[in-house]
Amino acid sequence: MCIRDRPERDYRYFRRLCISTILDTDLQKHFIVTNKFKSLLALGPVSVEDEVNKLLILSIAIKAADIGHGAKDLRLHKVWSRRVVEEFWHQGDVELKRNLPVSPLCDRRNRNVAKSQEGFLKAIVLPLYESFGEFLKSDVINQNCFEQIKTNCNYWTQEAERENDAKGTFLQETEGVLAEIEDCLLYTSPSPRDS
């Protein structure tokens, strides 16, 4: 049964959940959402029947999925990191073309991928997964995800040292995904303002 075939009340509830959880993936809201979640966990057992709690838990789950490449094996993590970097750089290119200030991390002329990825994993991904793992009481998250995030962090720490010596390998290693990314960009129809 399609959600549209559900009663209007169910449809509106589902739509509100989707919009709210997707908007909560905005990194500008990251610390607000995660601090609310940590405060909720600090109060003791969490009621999943409470609507406010339920929405917050769903937001955290969607956030974990949204940044989940940080917990994937290194090969996949590097591919997804390259995709994100290319998306950011594409945004920066559009901003430059429009004579706008280039957003942070979006300027391909000032590459410092390793340090930004290391910081992202340490400040955003790991703390989120730690809180979510605490809520889920999941050995799988504790054993697999935390260890993989730490492994990925170690890679970026070493890559930052190589970048400092102009011997970074990440961009060369992930060059193969560029054709796929460019194909995806070709399918996005630019707005008239992009011209």
Protein backbone atom coordinates (compact mmCIF):
# COMPACT_ATOMS: atom_id res chain seq x y z
CA MET A 1 0.00 0.00 0.00
CA CYS A 2 1.34 3.39 -1.03
CA ILE A 3 1.51 6.15 1.60
CA ARG A 4 -0.82 8.23 -0.60
CA ASP A 5 -3.45 5.51 -0.17
CA ARG A 6 -3.35 5.88 3.60
CA PRO A 7 -5.76 8.12 5.48
CA GLU A 8 -4.94 11.84 5.26
CA ARG A 9 -3.87 11.92 8.93
CA ASP A 10 -1.27 9.15 8.33
CA TYR A 11 -0.05 10.81 5.16
CA ARG A 12 0.47 14.16 6.93
CA TYR A 13 2.24 12.47 9.85
CA PHE A 14 4.58 10.57 7.51
CA ARG A 15 5.28 13.71 5.46
CA ARG A 16 6.08 15.70 8.62
CA LEU A 17 8.48 12.96 9.77
CA CYS A 18 10.25 12.90 6.41
CA ILE A 19 10.65 16.66 6.17
CA SER A 20 11.80 17.03 9.76
CA THR A 21 14.36 14.21 9.67
CA ILE A 22 15.77 15.31 6.32
CA LEU A 23 16.13 18.91 7.48
CA ASP A 24 17.92 17.63 10.59
CA THR A 25 20.70 16.25 8.36
CA ASP A 26 21.80 19.85 7.67
CA LEU A 27 25.22 20.13 9.30
CA GLN A 28 24.36 23.61 10.54
CA LYS A 29 21.88 21.88 12.87
CA HIS A 30 24.19 18.98 13.74
CA PHE A 31 25.27 20.03 17.22
CA ILE A 32 21.79 21.20 18.19
CA VAL A 33 20.25 17.85 17.25
CA THR A 34 23.03 15.69 18.69
CA ASN A 35 23.16 17.67 21.95
CA LYS A 36 19.39 17.20 22.36
CA PHE A 37 19.90 13.48 21.83
CA LYS A 38 22.78 13.31 24.33
CA SER A 39 20.67 15.20 26.88
CA LEU A 40 17.82 12.75 26.34
CA LEU A 41 20.17 9.79 26.88
CA ALA A 42 21.54 11.37 30.06
CA LEU A 43 18.03 11.33 31.58
CA GLY A 44 17.99 7.53 31.66
CA PRO A 45 15.88 5.02 29.74
CA VAL A 46 14.34 6.62 26.66
CA SER A 47 10.65 6.11 25.90
CA VAL A 48 10.27 5.39 22.20
CA GLU A 49 6.51 5.88 22.58
CA ASP A 50 6.92 9.61 23.24
CA GLU A 51 6.40 11.47 19.93
CA VAL A 52 9.17 14.02 20.58
CA ASN A 53 11.63 11.24 21.45
CA LYS A 54 10.55 9.20 18.45
CA LEU A 55 11.19 12.11 16.08
CA LEU A 56 14.60 12.79 17.63
CA ILE A 57 15.60 9.11 17.40
CA LEU A 58 14.53 8.99 13.76
CA SER A 59 16.52 12.16 13.07
CA ILE A 60 19.62 10.60 14.62
CA ALA A 61 19.13 7.42 12.57
CA ILE A 62 18.83 9.40 9.34
CA LYS A 63 21.88 11.51 10.30
CA ALA A 64 23.87 8.32 10.95
CA ALA A 65 22.88 7.01 7.53
CA ASP A 66 23.65 10.36 5.88
CA ILE A 67 27.23 10.42 7.18
CA GLY A 68 27.58 6.65 7.32
CA HIS A 69 30.41 6.51 4.79
CA GLY A 70 32.68 7.43 7.69
CA ALA A 71 31.95 4.02 9.22
CA LYS A 72 32.41 2.01 6.01
CA ASP A 73 35.54 0.11 5.08
CA LEU A 74 38.34 2.40 3.97
CA ARG A 75 38.01 1.66 0.25
CA LEU A 76 34.31 2.62 0.20
CA HIS A 77 34.89 5.52 2.56
CA LYS A 78 37.50 6.99 0.21
CA VAL A 79 35.16 6.68 -2.79
CA TRP A 80 32.31 8.39 -0.94
CA SER A 81 34.67 11.03 0.42
CA ARG A 82 35.80 11.80 -3.13
CA ARG A 83 32.19 12.08 -4.24
CA VAL A 84 31.45 14.55 -1.44
CA VAL A 85 34.62 16.54 -2.17
CA GLU A 86 33.70 16.75 -5.86
CA GLU A 87 30.17 17.88 -4.98
CA PHE A 88 31.60 20.61 -2.74
CA TRP A 89 34.10 21.70 -5.38
CA HIS A 90 31.35 21.79 -8.01
CA GLN A 91 29.38 24.10 -5.71
CA GLY A 92 32.47 26.28 -5.33
CA ASP A 93 32.90 26.40 -9.10
CA VAL A 94 29.30 27.61 -9.49
CA GLU A 95 29.83 30.20 -6.75
CA LEU A 96 32.99 31.49 -8.47
CA LYS A 97 31.18 31.64 -11.80
CA ARG A 98 28.48 33.77 -10.17
CA ASN A 99 31.07 36.01 -8.48
CA LEU A 100 29.91 34.87 -5.05
CA PRO A 101 32.16 34.13 -2.09
CA VAL A 102 33.20 30.48 -2.17
CA SER A 103 31.75 28.48 0.72
CA PRO A 104 34.12 26.77 3.17
CA LEU A 105 35.58 23.49 1.84
CA CYS A 106 34.25 24.27 -1.66
CA ASP A 107 37.33 25.87 -3.24
CA ARG A 108 39.22 23.33 -5.32
CA ARG A 109 42.16 25.78 -5.49
CA ASN A 110 42.73 25.41 -1.73
CA ARG A 111 42.78 21.67 -1.21
CA ASN A 112 43.16 20.32 2.28
CA VAL A 113 41.01 17.24 1.98
CA ALA A 114 42.78 15.09 4.56
CA LYS A 115 42.54 17.57 7.42
CA SER A 116 38.88 18.33 6.71
CA GLN A 117 37.99 14.62 6.50
CA GLU A 118 39.91 13.84 9.68
CA GLY A 119 38.11 16.68 11.48
CA PHE A 120 34.75 15.57 10.09
CA LEU A 121 35.23 12.03 11.38
CA LYS A 122 36.47 13.14 14.80
CA ALA A 123 34.02 16.00 15.43
CA ILE A 124 30.89 14.81 13.63
CA VAL A 125 30.84 11.10 12.78
CA LEU A 126 32.44 9.46 15.82
CA PRO A 127 30.47 11.37 18.49
CA LEU A 128 27.19 10.74 16.64
CA TYR A 129 27.88 7.02 16.35
CA GLU A 130 28.94 6.86 20.00
CA SER A 131 25.62 8.36 21.11
CA PHE A 132 23.58 6.25 18.71
CA GLY A 133 25.47 3.12 19.78
CA GLU A 134 24.77 3.97 23.42
CA PHE A 135 21.05 4.26 22.65
CA LEU A 136 20.92 1.06 20.58
CA LYS A 137 23.17 -0.85 22.98
CA SER A 138 24.57 -2.51 19.89
CA ASP A 139 27.73 -4.61 19.96
CA VAL A 140 27.83 -4.43 16.15
CA ILE A 141 28.12 -0.63 16.23
CA ASN A 142 30.57 -0.77 19.10
CA GLN A 143 32.79 -3.39 17.47
CA ASN A 144 32.50 -2.61 13.78
CA CYS A 145 31.62 1.04 13.32
CA PHE A 146 33.83 2.58 16.01
CA GLU A 147 36.85 0.58 14.93
CA GLN A 148 36.29 1.44 11.27
CA ILE A 149 35.84 5.15 12.02
CA LYS A 150 39.12 5.07 13.94
CA THR A 151 40.84 3.23 11.07
CA ASN A 152 39.52 5.84 8.63
CA CYS A 153 40.68 8.64 10.95
CA ASN A 154 44.17 7.12 11.03
CA TYR A 155 44.22 7.05 7.23
CA TRP A 156 43.37 10.77 7.08
CA THR A 157 45.97 11.62 9.72
CA GLN A 158 48.62 9.88 7.63
CA GLU A 159 47.27 11.41 4.43
CA ALA A 160 47.48 14.90 6.00
CA GLU A 161 51.16 14.29 6.71
CA ARG A 162 51.67 13.16 3.11
CA GLU A 163 49.77 16.24 1.85
CA ASN A 164 52.11 18.45 3.88
CA ASP A 165 55.02 16.83 2.03
CA ALA A 166 53.15 17.16 -1.31
CA LYS A 167 52.95 13.34 -1.45
CA GLY A 168 49.22 12.90 -0.78
CA THR A 169 47.69 9.93 -2.54
CA PHE A 170 43.94 10.28 -1.95
CA LEU A 171 43.16 12.31 -5.06
CA GLN A 172 45.21 9.99 -7.28
CA GLU A 173 43.74 6.85 -5.69
CA THR A 174 40.18 8.04 -6.27
CA GLU A 175 40.67 9.49 -9.74
CA GLY A 176 38.68 6.57 -11.21
CA VAL A 177 35.43 7.69 -9.61
CA LEU A 178 35.59 11.03 -11.42
CA ALA A 179 34.08 9.72 -14.66
CA GLU A 180 31.13 8.35 -12.72
CA ILE A 181 30.71 11.65 -10.87
CA GLU A 182 30.91 13.64 -14.10
CA ASP A 183 28.23 11.39 -15.64
CA CYS A 184 25.98 12.17 -12.67
CA LEU A 185 26.61 15.90 -13.04
CA LEU A 186 25.66 15.72 -16.72
CA TYR A 187 22.23 14.41 -15.75
CA THR A 188 21.51 17.30 -13.41
CA SER A 189 19.82 19.98 -15.42
CA PRO A 190 21.38 23.33 -14.61
CA SER A 191 19.05 26.15 -13.73
CA PRO A 192 19.02 29.14 -16.09
CA ARG A 193 21.02 31.04 -13.47
CA ASP A 194 23.94 28.57 -13.86
CA SER A 195 24.48 29.75 -17.44
